[in-house]
Protein backbone atom coordinates (compact mmCIF):
# COMPACT_ATOMS: atom_id res chain seq x y z
CA MET A 1 140.38 150.37 124.76
CA ALA A 2 140.56 148.47 121.45
CA THR A 3 137.47 146.54 120.41
CA LYS A 4 137.73 142.91 119.40
CA GLU A 5 137.43 142.38 115.66
CA ALA A 6 134.40 140.34 114.48
CA TYR A 7 135.13 136.79 113.34
CA GLN A 8 135.51 136.49 109.57
CA ILE A 9 133.47 133.58 108.11
CA VAL A 10 135.57 131.64 105.61
CA ASP A 11 133.70 128.35 105.03
CA VAL A 12 130.26 127.29 103.88
CA ALA A 13 129.76 125.69 107.29
CA GLY A 14 129.82 129.08 108.99
CA LYS A 15 127.58 130.61 106.33
CA LEU A 16 124.96 127.89 106.81
CA ALA A 17 125.18 128.21 110.60
CA LYS A 18 124.75 131.98 110.41
CA GLY A 19 121.88 131.78 107.91
CA PHE A 20 119.80 129.30 109.92
CA LEU A 21 120.84 130.11 113.50
CA ARG A 22 117.95 132.47 114.27
CA ASN A 23 115.82 131.79 111.23
CA PRO A 24 112.23 130.91 112.25
CA LEU A 25 112.00 128.48 109.32
CA THR A 26 114.79 126.23 110.68
CA ALA A 27 112.41 124.40 113.01
CA VAL A 28 109.89 124.08 110.17
CA LEU A 29 112.61 122.65 107.93
CA GLY A 30 113.54 120.07 110.57
CA ALA A 31 109.93 118.97 111.02
CA PHE A 32 109.46 118.87 107.24
CA LEU A 33 112.50 116.61 106.78
CA LEU A 34 111.32 114.18 109.46
CA ILE A 35 107.80 114.01 108.02
CA MET A 36 109.10 113.49 104.46
CA GLY A 37 111.38 110.71 105.67
CA TYR A 38 108.55 109.01 107.53
CA LEU A 39 106.28 109.20 104.49
CA ALA A 40 109.03 107.88 102.21
CA LEU A 41 109.63 104.97 104.61
CA ASN A 42 105.96 103.99 104.42
CA VAL A 43 105.36 104.71 100.73
CA MET A 44 108.55 103.33 99.17
CA PRO A 45 108.17 99.88 97.59
CA ARG A 46 109.52 97.17 99.87
CA GLU A 47 111.39 94.12 98.65
CA GLU A 48 113.55 91.52 100.35
CA ASP A 49 116.28 91.86 97.72
CA PRO A 50 116.87 94.31 94.86
CA GLN A 51 115.12 93.32 91.64
CA ILE A 52 117.85 93.02 89.03
CA ALA A 53 117.03 93.75 85.37
CA ILE A 54 118.07 90.81 83.19
CA SER A 55 117.12 91.04 79.53
CA GLY A 56 117.47 88.75 76.55
CA GLY A 57 115.52 86.39 74.38
CA ALA A 58 115.45 83.38 72.11
CA VAL A 59 115.07 83.48 68.33
CA ILE A 60 113.65 80.23 66.91
CA VAL A 61 113.82 79.77 63.12
CA ALA A 62 112.34 76.62 61.56
CA MET A 63 113.27 75.24 58.14
CA PRO A 64 111.56 71.87 57.53
CA GLY A 65 113.79 69.27 55.91
CA ALA A 66 117.09 71.04 56.60
CA SER A 67 120.00 69.26 58.24
CA PRO A 68 121.90 70.70 61.25
CA GLN A 69 124.82 71.64 58.95
CA GLU A 70 122.51 73.54 56.62
CA ILE A 71 120.76 75.24 59.55
CA GLU A 72 124.13 76.40 60.90
CA ASN A 73 125.42 77.74 57.58
CA ILE A 74 122.35 79.53 56.22
CA ILE A 75 120.45 80.53 59.40
CA VAL A 76 122.43 80.47 62.67
CA ASN A 77 125.74 81.98 61.53
CA PRO A 78 124.20 84.80 59.39
CA LEU A 79 121.81 85.74 62.21
CA GLU A 80 124.65 85.78 64.74
CA ARG A 81 126.55 88.25 62.57
CA LYS A 82 123.50 90.48 62.25
CA LEU A 83 122.68 90.38 65.96
CA ARG A 84 126.24 91.42 66.78
CA GLU A 85 125.33 94.79 65.26
CA VAL A 86 122.89 95.43 68.14
CA HIS A 87 124.30 97.55 70.97
CA GLY A 88 124.18 96.02 74.45
CA ILE A 89 124.33 92.31 73.61
CA GLU A 90 126.82 90.46 75.83
CA HIS A 91 126.46 86.85 74.67
CA ILE A 92 124.89 84.96 71.75
CA TYR A 93 124.52 81.18 71.93
CA GLY A 94 123.52 79.47 68.66
CA MET A 95 122.22 75.90 68.29
CA ALA A 96 121.60 74.05 65.02
CA MET A 97 119.38 70.96 64.95
CA ASP A 98 117.31 69.07 62.44
CA ASN A 99 114.71 71.44 60.93
CA VAL A 100 115.31 74.29 63.39
CA GLY A 101 117.93 76.78 64.56
CA ILE A 102 117.84 78.55 67.95
CA LEU A 103 119.79 81.65 69.02
CA ASN A 104 119.78 82.66 72.69
CA VAL A 105 120.63 86.33 73.18
CA MET A 106 121.77 87.76 76.52
CA TYR A 107 122.05 91.52 77.05
CA TYR A 108 124.30 93.14 79.63
CA ILE A 109 122.79 93.13 83.11
CA GLY A 110 121.07 96.43 83.78
CA GLU A 111 119.91 96.99 80.18
CA ASN A 112 116.27 98.03 79.92
CA ARG A 113 114.20 94.93 79.16
CA GLU A 114 111.61 96.65 76.95
CA ASP A 115 114.27 98.46 74.91
CA SER A 116 116.24 95.24 74.51
CA ASN A 117 113.18 93.36 73.27
CA LEU A 118 112.47 96.08 70.71
CA LYS A 119 116.06 95.95 69.45
CA LEU A 120 115.83 92.18 69.06
CA TYR A 121 112.51 92.31 67.18
CA ASP A 122 113.70 95.17 64.99
CA LYS A 123 116.95 93.48 63.94
CA ILE A 124 115.24 90.17 63.06
CA LEU A 125 112.43 91.81 61.06
CA GLN A 126 114.90 94.06 59.22
CA ASN A 127 116.67 90.99 57.84
CA MET A 128 113.66 88.90 56.85
CA ASP A 129 114.43 89.55 53.16
CA SER A 130 117.82 87.82 53.51
CA MET A 131 116.31 84.60 54.88
CA PRO A 132 116.68 81.61 52.52
CA LYS A 133 113.70 80.15 50.72
CA GLY A 134 111.74 77.64 52.76
CA VAL A 135 112.36 79.32 56.12
CA MET A 136 109.28 79.81 58.29
CA GLN A 137 108.45 83.00 60.15
CA PRO A 138 110.95 83.39 63.05
CA LEU A 139 109.56 83.04 66.55
CA ILE A 140 111.00 85.54 69.06
CA LYS A 141 110.55 84.73 72.76
CA PRO A 142 111.86 87.43 75.13
CA PHE A 143 113.00 86.48 78.62
CA ASP A 144 110.64 87.64 81.35
CA ILE A 145 112.95 87.08 84.31
CA ASP A 146 111.75 90.30 85.97
CA ILE A 147 108.25 88.87 86.37
CA ASP A 148 109.04 85.16 86.63
CA ILE A 149 110.00 85.22 90.32
CA PRO A 150 106.81 84.69 92.40
CA ILE A 151 106.16 86.70 95.53
CA VAL A 152 103.25 84.51 96.70
CA SER A 153 102.84 80.74 96.35
CA VAL A 154 99.69 79.01 97.62
CA ALA A 155 99.08 75.25 97.64
CA PHE A 156 95.42 74.18 97.23
CA TYR A 157 94.51 70.64 98.30
CA PRO A 158 91.43 68.49 99.03
CA LYS A 159 90.57 68.40 102.73
CA GLU A 160 90.19 65.17 104.67
CA GLY A 161 87.00 63.38 103.56
CA SER A 162 86.53 65.67 100.56
CA LYS A 163 85.37 64.06 97.33
CA VAL A 164 86.71 66.81 95.07
CA ASP A 165 88.57 65.35 92.09
CA ASP A 166 91.51 66.75 90.10
CA VAL A 167 89.30 68.40 87.50
CA LYS A 168 87.13 70.18 90.08
CA LEU A 169 90.24 71.28 91.99
CA PHE A 170 91.72 72.73 88.81
CA GLU A 171 88.49 74.55 87.89
CA MET A 172 88.16 76.18 91.32
CA VAL A 173 91.79 77.31 91.43
CA ARG A 174 91.54 78.54 87.83
CA ARG A 175 88.61 80.80 88.76
CA LEU A 176 90.64 82.21 91.64
CA GLN A 177 93.57 82.72 89.29
CA GLN A 178 91.36 84.84 87.05
CA LYS A 179 90.48 87.10 89.99
CA LEU A 180 94.12 87.50 91.00
CA ASN A 181 95.08 88.55 87.47
CA ALA A 182 92.83 91.61 87.86
CA ILE A 183 94.79 92.93 90.89
CA ASP A 184 96.89 96.03 90.28
CA ASN A 185 100.64 95.38 89.81
CA VAL A 186 100.18 91.61 89.48
CA ALA A 187 102.31 90.64 86.49
CA LYS A 188 101.97 86.89 86.08
CA THR A 189 100.11 83.97 87.64
CA THR A 190 100.85 80.30 86.99
CA LEU A 191 99.45 76.93 88.04
CA LYS A 192 101.74 74.03 88.89
CA GLY A 193 100.62 70.42 89.23
CA ALA A 194 97.16 71.03 87.74
CA HIS A 195 95.31 68.39 85.69
CA LYS A 196 92.68 69.43 83.14
CA ALA A 197 89.62 67.49 81.98
CA GLN A 198 90.23 65.44 78.85
CA TYR A 199 88.79 62.60 76.77
CA ASN A 200 91.40 59.85 76.70
CA VAL A 201 91.59 57.50 73.71
CA GLU A 202 93.36 54.20 74.42
CA VAL A 203 93.97 52.50 71.08
CA ASP A 204 93.94 48.68 70.85
CA MET A 205 96.88 47.91 68.59
CA GLU A 206 95.59 44.41 67.71
CA LYS A 207 92.27 45.77 66.47
CA LEU A 208 94.13 48.52 64.64
CA SER A 209 96.17 45.90 62.82
CA ALA A 210 93.09 43.82 62.04
CA TYR A 211 91.45 46.75 60.27
CA HIS A 212 94.72 47.63 58.48
CA LEU A 213 94.79 51.08 60.05
CA SER A 214 97.66 53.23 61.28
CA LEU A 215 97.91 55.39 64.39
CA GLY A 216 98.33 58.43 62.15
CA GLN A 217 94.86 57.84 60.67
CA ILE A 218 93.37 57.78 64.16
CA MET A 219 95.06 61.06 65.07
CA GLN A 220 94.01 62.69 61.80
CA ALA A 221 90.40 61.65 62.27
CA VAL A 222 90.17 63.02 65.81
CA GLN A 223 91.93 66.30 64.91
CA SER A 224 89.65 66.89 61.92
CA VAL A 225 86.59 66.87 64.15
CA ALA A 226 88.05 69.51 66.43
CA VAL A 227 89.26 71.96 63.78
CA ASP A 228 87.24 71.36 60.59
CA VAL A 229 84.53 73.93 59.74
CA PRO A 230 82.67 74.52 56.46
CA ASP A 231 84.06 77.06 54.00
CA VAL A 232 81.87 79.94 52.83
CA LYS A 233 82.70 80.62 49.19
CA GLY A 234 79.62 82.21 47.67
CA ARG A 235 76.28 83.94 48.10
CA THR A 236 72.73 82.84 47.42
CA ALA A 237 70.65 83.91 44.39
CA SER A 238 69.18 86.74 46.46
CA ASN A 239 72.71 87.93 47.23
CA GLN A 240 72.53 86.89 50.87
CA LEU A 241 75.56 85.54 52.72
CA VAL A 242 75.33 81.90 53.76
CA ILE A 243 76.34 81.32 57.38
CA PHE A 244 76.71 77.82 58.79
CA GLY A 245 75.94 77.14 62.41
CA VAL A 246 77.89 74.09 63.50
CA LYS A 247 77.17 72.40 66.83
CA ASN A 248 80.13 71.26 68.91
CA ALA A 249 81.07 67.87 67.55
CA ILE A 250 82.55 66.58 70.84
CA GLU A 251 80.27 66.78 73.86
CA SER A 252 80.39 63.29 75.36
CA ILE A 253 82.23 59.97 75.30
CA GLU A 254 79.71 58.71 72.75
CA ASP A 255 80.55 61.59 70.40
CA VAL A 256 84.24 60.72 70.54
CA GLY A 257 83.56 57.05 70.01
CA SER A 258 81.35 57.81 67.01
CA VAL A 259 84.13 59.49 65.06
CA ILE A 260 84.63 57.68 61.74
CA VAL A 261 88.28 56.83 61.23
CA ALA A 262 88.11 54.85 57.95
CA GLN A 263 85.99 52.72 55.61
CA TYR A 264 86.32 48.92 55.58
CA MET A 265 84.35 46.74 53.15
CA ASN A 266 82.10 49.75 52.41
CA SER A 267 81.28 50.05 56.11
CA PRO A 268 82.43 52.86 58.41
CA ILE A 269 84.94 52.05 61.12
CA TYR A 270 84.27 54.03 64.27
CA LEU A 271 86.81 55.05 66.86
CA ARG A 272 85.02 52.89 69.46
CA ASP A 273 85.74 49.82 67.30
CA VAL A 274 89.51 50.16 67.72
CA ALA A 275 89.90 52.14 70.93
CA LYS A 276 88.54 52.63 74.42
CA VAL A 277 87.32 56.19 75.13
CA THR A 278 87.14 57.45 78.73
CA ASN A 279 86.43 60.80 80.36
CA GLY A 280 89.26 61.73 82.72
CA ILE A 281 92.28 63.99 83.10
CA ASP A 282 95.24 64.74 80.84
CA LEU A 283 97.20 61.53 81.27
CA GLN A 284 100.08 62.82 79.14
CA ASN A 285 100.78 65.47 81.80
CA PHE A 286 103.23 63.77 84.13
CA GLN A 287 103.87 66.92 86.19
CA GLU A 288 102.14 66.81 89.53
CA ALA A 289 102.74 68.15 93.02
CA LYS A 290 102.29 66.48 96.36
CA LEU A 291 101.76 68.21 99.70
CA TYR A 292 103.16 66.75 102.90
CA MET A 293 101.68 68.34 106.01
CA LYS A 294 102.40 67.85 109.68
CA SER A 295 99.89 67.78 112.47
CA GLN A 296 100.04 70.16 115.42
CA LYS A 297 102.02 67.61 117.38
CA GLY A 298 104.65 67.55 114.65
CA GLU A 299 103.81 64.04 113.47
CA PRO A 300 103.60 63.57 109.68
CA LEU A 301 100.25 62.66 108.13
CA SER A 302 99.87 59.08 107.00
CA LYS A 303 98.76 60.17 103.49
CA GLU A 304 100.20 62.61 101.04
CA LYS A 305 97.84 65.13 99.46
CA ARG A 306 97.62 66.05 95.83
CA GLN A 307 97.79 69.78 95.30
CA VAL A 308 97.71 72.60 92.78
CA THR A 309 100.20 75.41 93.43
CA LEU A 310 99.20 78.92 92.39
CA THR A 311 102.09 81.39 92.05
CA VAL A 312 101.81 85.18 91.72
CA ALA A 313 104.55 87.52 90.47
CA LYS A 314 104.59 91.32 90.63
CA LEU A 315 105.64 94.05 88.23
CA ALA A 316 109.19 95.32 88.64
CA GLY A 317 109.57 98.30 90.98
CA THR A 318 106.24 97.82 92.77
CA ASN A 319 105.70 97.23 96.47
CA ALA A 320 105.89 93.51 97.25
CA VAL A 321 104.15 94.09 100.59
CA PHE A 322 101.10 95.81 99.09
CA VAL A 323 100.76 93.33 96.20
CA ALA A 324 101.04 90.34 98.54
CA GLU A 325 98.43 91.86 100.87
CA ASP A 326 96.01 92.38 97.97
CA VAL A 327 96.57 88.79 96.80
CA MET A 328 95.95 87.35 100.26
CA ARG A 329 92.82 89.48 100.68
CA VAL A 330 91.30 88.06 97.47
CA ILE A 331 92.21 84.50 98.52
CA GLN A 332 90.64 85.02 101.96
CA GLU A 333 87.48 86.38 100.35
CA SER A 334 87.22 83.13 98.36
CA GLU A 335 87.97 80.94 101.39
CA ALA A 336 84.28 80.19 102.10
CA ILE A 337 83.63 79.09 98.50
CA LEU A 338 86.70 76.84 98.54
CA ALA A 339 85.75 75.35 101.93
CA LYS A 340 82.26 74.57 100.63
CA GLU A 341 83.84 72.44 97.89
CA GLY A 342 86.16 70.78 100.42
CA ILE A 343 89.30 72.60 99.28
CA GLY A 344 91.89 73.92 101.72
CA TYR A 345 94.96 76.02 101.07
CA LEU A 346 98.36 76.62 102.57
CA VAL A 347 100.55 79.67 101.91
CA THR A 348 103.98 78.22 101.15
CA ARG A 349 105.66 81.52 100.24
CA ASN A 350 104.79 85.11 101.07
CA TYR A 351 107.55 87.35 99.78
CA GLY A 352 105.66 90.44 100.96
CA THR A 353 105.66 89.32 104.60
CA ARG A 354 109.33 88.37 104.43
CA ALA A 355 110.24 91.71 102.83
CA ASN A 356 108.27 93.62 105.45
CA GLU A 357 109.84 91.66 108.29
CA ALA A 358 113.33 92.17 106.86
CA VAL A 359 112.81 95.94 106.56
CA ASN A 360 111.23 96.24 110.01
CA GLU A 361 114.00 94.17 111.60
CA LEU A 362 116.73 96.32 110.07
CA MET A 363 114.89 99.50 111.08
CA HIS A 364 114.68 98.07 114.61
CA HIS A 365 118.44 97.47 114.60
CA LEU A 366 118.91 100.98 113.24
CA LEU A 367 117.03 102.43 116.21
CA ILE A 368 119.08 100.31 118.63
CA THR A 369 122.27 101.63 117.05
CA ILE A 370 121.03 105.24 117.40
CA VAL A 371 120.27 104.65 121.10
CA ILE A 372 123.73 103.15 121.67
CA ILE A 373 125.35 106.18 120.01
CA ALA A 374 123.25 108.51 122.16
CA LEU A 375 124.25 106.73 125.39
CA MET A 376 127.93 106.86 124.45
CA LEU A 377 127.71 110.58 123.78
CA VAL A 378 126.02 111.20 127.14
CA PHE A 379 129.16 110.03 128.93
CA ALA A 380 131.51 111.74 126.48
CA LEU A 381 129.90 115.17 126.09
CA GLY A 382 126.76 115.41 128.22
CA TRP A 383 123.07 114.66 127.81
CA LYS A 384 122.21 117.89 125.99
CA GLU A 385 125.01 117.47 123.50
CA SER A 386 123.98 113.83 123.07
CA LEU A 387 120.39 114.89 122.38
CA ILE A 388 121.53 117.30 119.66
CA VAL A 389 123.65 114.67 117.88
CA THR A 390 120.91 112.05 118.21
CA PHE A 391 118.44 114.32 116.39
CA THR A 392 120.75 114.62 113.40
CA VAL A 393 120.67 110.85 112.67
CA PRO A 394 116.94 110.53 111.86
CA ALA A 395 117.12 113.85 109.99
CA ILE A 396 119.94 112.57 107.78
CA LEU A 397 118.21 109.22 107.20
CA ALA A 398 114.99 111.06 106.36
CA ILE A 399 116.75 113.09 103.67
CA THR A 400 118.41 109.96 102.24
CA LEU A 401 115.15 107.99 102.20
CA PHE A 402 113.27 110.83 100.53
CA ILE A 403 115.90 111.22 97.79
CA ALA A 404 115.96 107.43 97.30
CA TYR A 405 112.17 107.49 96.89
CA LEU A 406 112.37 110.31 94.33
CA SER A 407 115.01 108.37 92.36
CA GLY A 408 112.76 105.31 92.09
CA GLN A 409 114.63 103.01 94.49
CA THR A 410 113.04 100.39 96.71
CA ILE A 411 113.64 99.57 100.35
CA ASN A 412 115.39 96.24 100.57
CA ARG A 413 118.12 94.55 102.56
CA ILE A 414 120.90 96.15 100.52
CA THR A 415 119.40 99.66 100.82
CA LEU A 416 119.13 99.35 104.59
CA PHE A 417 122.60 97.80 104.75
CA ALA A 418 123.85 100.98 103.06
CA PHE A 419 122.17 103.00 105.82
CA LEU A 420 123.70 100.81 108.53
CA LEU A 421 127.10 101.07 106.84
CA SER A 422 126.91 104.86 106.77
CA LEU A 423 125.40 105.23 110.26
CA GLY A 424 128.77 105.40 111.97
CA LEU A 425 129.88 108.01 109.45
CA LEU A 426 126.69 110.10 109.69
CA VAL A 427 127.30 111.31 113.22
CA ASP A 428 130.93 112.27 112.57
CA ALA A 429 130.15 115.76 111.30
CA ALA A 430 127.61 116.47 114.05
CA ILE A 431 129.97 115.16 116.76
CA ILE A 432 132.84 117.28 115.41
CA VAL A 433 130.64 120.41 115.38
CA ILE A 434 129.16 119.83 118.84
CA GLU A 435 132.60 118.98 120.29
CA ASN A 436 134.06 122.23 118.93
CA ILE A 437 131.09 124.19 120.26
CA HIS A 438 131.64 122.49 123.64
CA ARG A 439 135.33 123.50 123.54
CA HIS A 440 134.49 127.10 122.71
CA LEU A 441 131.92 127.25 125.52
CA HIS A 442 134.62 126.29 128.01
CA ALA A 443 137.35 128.52 126.57
CA HIS A 444 138.92 131.27 128.75
CA ASP A 445 137.57 134.10 126.58
CA VAL A 446 133.98 132.83 126.42
CA ASP A 447 132.65 135.83 128.38
CA SER A 448 133.87 138.25 125.73
CA LYS A 449 131.77 136.61 122.98
CA GLU A 450 128.09 136.55 122.25
CA MET A 451 126.47 133.10 121.97
CA ASP A 452 125.67 133.62 118.27
CA GLU A 453 129.25 134.57 117.46
CA LEU A 454 130.59 131.64 119.43
CA LEU A 455 128.38 129.06 117.65
CA ILE A 456 129.12 130.43 114.19
CA GLU A 457 132.87 130.59 114.85
CA ALA A 458 132.95 127.04 116.27
CA THR A 459 131.05 125.66 113.27
CA ASP A 460 133.11 127.58 110.71
CA GLU A 461 136.41 126.45 112.19
CA ILE A 462 135.86 122.77 111.51
CA GLY A 463 134.12 123.26 108.12
CA ALA A 464 137.09 122.81 105.79
CA PRO A 465 138.65 119.68 107.38
CA THR A 466 135.23 118.07 107.84
CA ASN A 467 134.34 118.70 104.21
CA VAL A 468 137.61 117.18 102.99
CA ALA A 469 137.26 114.13 105.26
CA THR A 470 133.69 113.52 104.10
CA LEU A 471 134.69 113.91 100.45
CA ALA A 472 137.47 111.36 100.93
CA ILE A 473 134.98 108.82 102.32
CA ILE A 474 132.57 109.49 99.44
CA LEU A 475 135.33 108.90 96.89
CA THR A 476 135.96 105.46 98.41
CA MET A 477 132.30 104.53 97.72
CA VAL A 478 131.98 105.91 94.20
CA PRO A 479 134.00 103.13 92.45
CA MET A 480 131.38 100.60 93.57
CA ALA A 481 128.93 102.23 91.17
CA PHE A 482 131.06 101.09 88.22
CA VAL A 483 131.18 97.40 89.19
CA GLY A 484 129.49 95.43 86.40
CA GLY A 485 127.64 92.15 86.23
CA MET A 486 125.25 90.63 88.73
CA MET A 487 127.19 91.76 91.80
CA GLY A 488 127.35 95.36 90.59
CA SER A 489 123.58 95.54 90.08
CA PHE A 490 122.96 93.86 93.42
CA MET A 491 125.20 96.24 95.40
CA LYS A 492 124.26 99.48 93.61
CA PRO A 493 122.21 100.88 96.55
CA ILE A 494 125.46 101.27 98.52
CA PRO A 495 127.28 103.74 96.19
CA TYR A 496 123.95 105.46 95.51
CA ASN A 497 122.84 106.02 99.11
CA VAL A 498 126.00 106.30 101.21
CA PRO A 499 127.32 109.44 99.42
CA VAL A 500 123.87 111.04 99.64
CA ALA A 501 123.74 110.28 103.37
CA LEU A 502 127.22 111.73 103.93
CA VAL A 503 126.46 114.96 102.06
CA ALA A 504 123.18 115.23 103.98
CA SER A 505 125.12 114.76 107.24
CA LEU A 506 127.19 117.86 106.46
CA PHE A 507 124.19 120.08 105.81
CA VAL A 508 122.32 118.78 108.87
CA ALA A 509 125.39 119.23 111.08
CA TYR A 510 126.02 122.79 109.87
CA ILE A 511 122.38 123.87 110.05
CA PHE A 512 120.76 122.09 112.99
CA THR A 513 123.66 121.51 115.39
CA PRO A 514 124.30 125.28 115.97
CA TYR A 515 120.53 125.93 116.00
CA LEU A 516 119.83 123.28 118.66
CA SER A 517 122.91 124.35 120.61
CA LEU A 518 121.51 127.85 120.81
CA LYS A 519 118.27 126.44 122.21
CA LEU A 520 119.73 123.90 124.65
CA LEU A 521 123.22 125.01 125.63
CA LYS A 522 124.29 127.98 127.69
CA LYS A 523 127.59 129.65 128.43
CA PRO A 524 128.99 128.45 131.78
CA THR A 525 129.29 131.02 134.56
CA HIS A 526 132.93 131.76 135.59
CA LYS A 527 134.07 133.26 138.90
CA HIS A 528 136.40 136.25 138.51
CA HIS A 529 139.56 135.77 140.58
CA HIS A 530 140.55 139.50 140.77
CA HIS A 531 137.67 140.19 143.20
CA HIS A 532 139.17 137.74 145.67
CA LYS A 533 142.58 139.37 145.36
CA GLY A 534 141.08 142.81 146.03
CA ALA A 535 139.53 141.59 149.27
CA LYS A 536 142.91 140.62 150.64
CA LEU A 537 144.47 144.05 150.05
């Protein structure tokens, strides 16, 4: 009797199935993948949206006494030509005004901000020798868009019945700001609506005219007190250095009022003679913020509250959830000190909480989708087959998350959207493999094959078409990686993660589907009809 020839493995799918079918490390590999995916999910930085790298800067060149036409011809146009030599610049906007020229430089989106800043500084400093005579040192101000978007905003306000004034409110919030600056991965903190302490000088123009004084003389007199210090130009006879100790000239309203502004009829004219000096806040600062709060019943309060808003931004690529939690912990630790001074606070923006909720919500929807797929497969193939396919989904997502973590990506809405987009494609390979295994198990010649041979043959059969189909889907995603501009940077997680997930789905389907089938599925028992025929003879 001729023996049946052994099945010849022709595809990588069959080779993977054969190599891992009875390998004791297959179960360890599965557990390892799930653990790595879980750790990546918890360790990866979380953001609500991808943080897009936008780089550029402003070059400000002053030339006192020059007209806009001169500024354009000798500063703006030559600098524009030089900056065009820098690789990566997309736009240059030049402005010429009286005494100053400004060039705004915008690099292509996605360019490294630090590298772009260095290029800008380098090109300007290289051409300092070609600047015309009379030009002041250029001022270069890079854009810090990466760290300008706050993740936490907190409004501090005086409580009902509190006697805290604007200056005290500013001082208390400023101390808290100093503590927040020391937190790891905090990039920038700002205060909005704050008023600082200041001596205000209200000049009486009639008295000024009576003494034949100008406003410029008043300004010059006050400024000289604040900045003037003695010069040290020599040494004593014993060759010792002379050091002057100068007491602060301005310590009270009386000190300001006693500033001598001029001489009239051989008598000094003091600032108090022509102006009223008061101790208050910076009146020239017209920026202020008001807080409108509602009571628990939803009725608006009868009075608006003055407030100081403290904003906190994080470094690019760091975890918004962790940074926001650290910020809120420091604020809560200072809550008792603030309450003692009659200061309350209200968190108006917590990007970390929103990012965490967005990620958790999408993960919740991801689990619901996996359950729906499992229930559909129960009716289509059976509960054991459904269990095998359901395992492959978290395994594939674990691989994708781990690779995304290694490549420096963050978990955000677009990353998870890429996972949701690929979820329907992830189970394709596993379903095709398990369906072919199911078909082989119910074939007429199943009794003549060993279980190992059957699983390897079923997996190898569908390897080539499954590989081609998956490659075709990957090729439809790849062009998205070459989309430029803001939209391209925003949607980059899709072409980065979907192909990785699809390739991972092939390996998981070829390795774990036959392995789990060997553990869970069995060949059906068939009744042999020739025994019944023999009984009738």
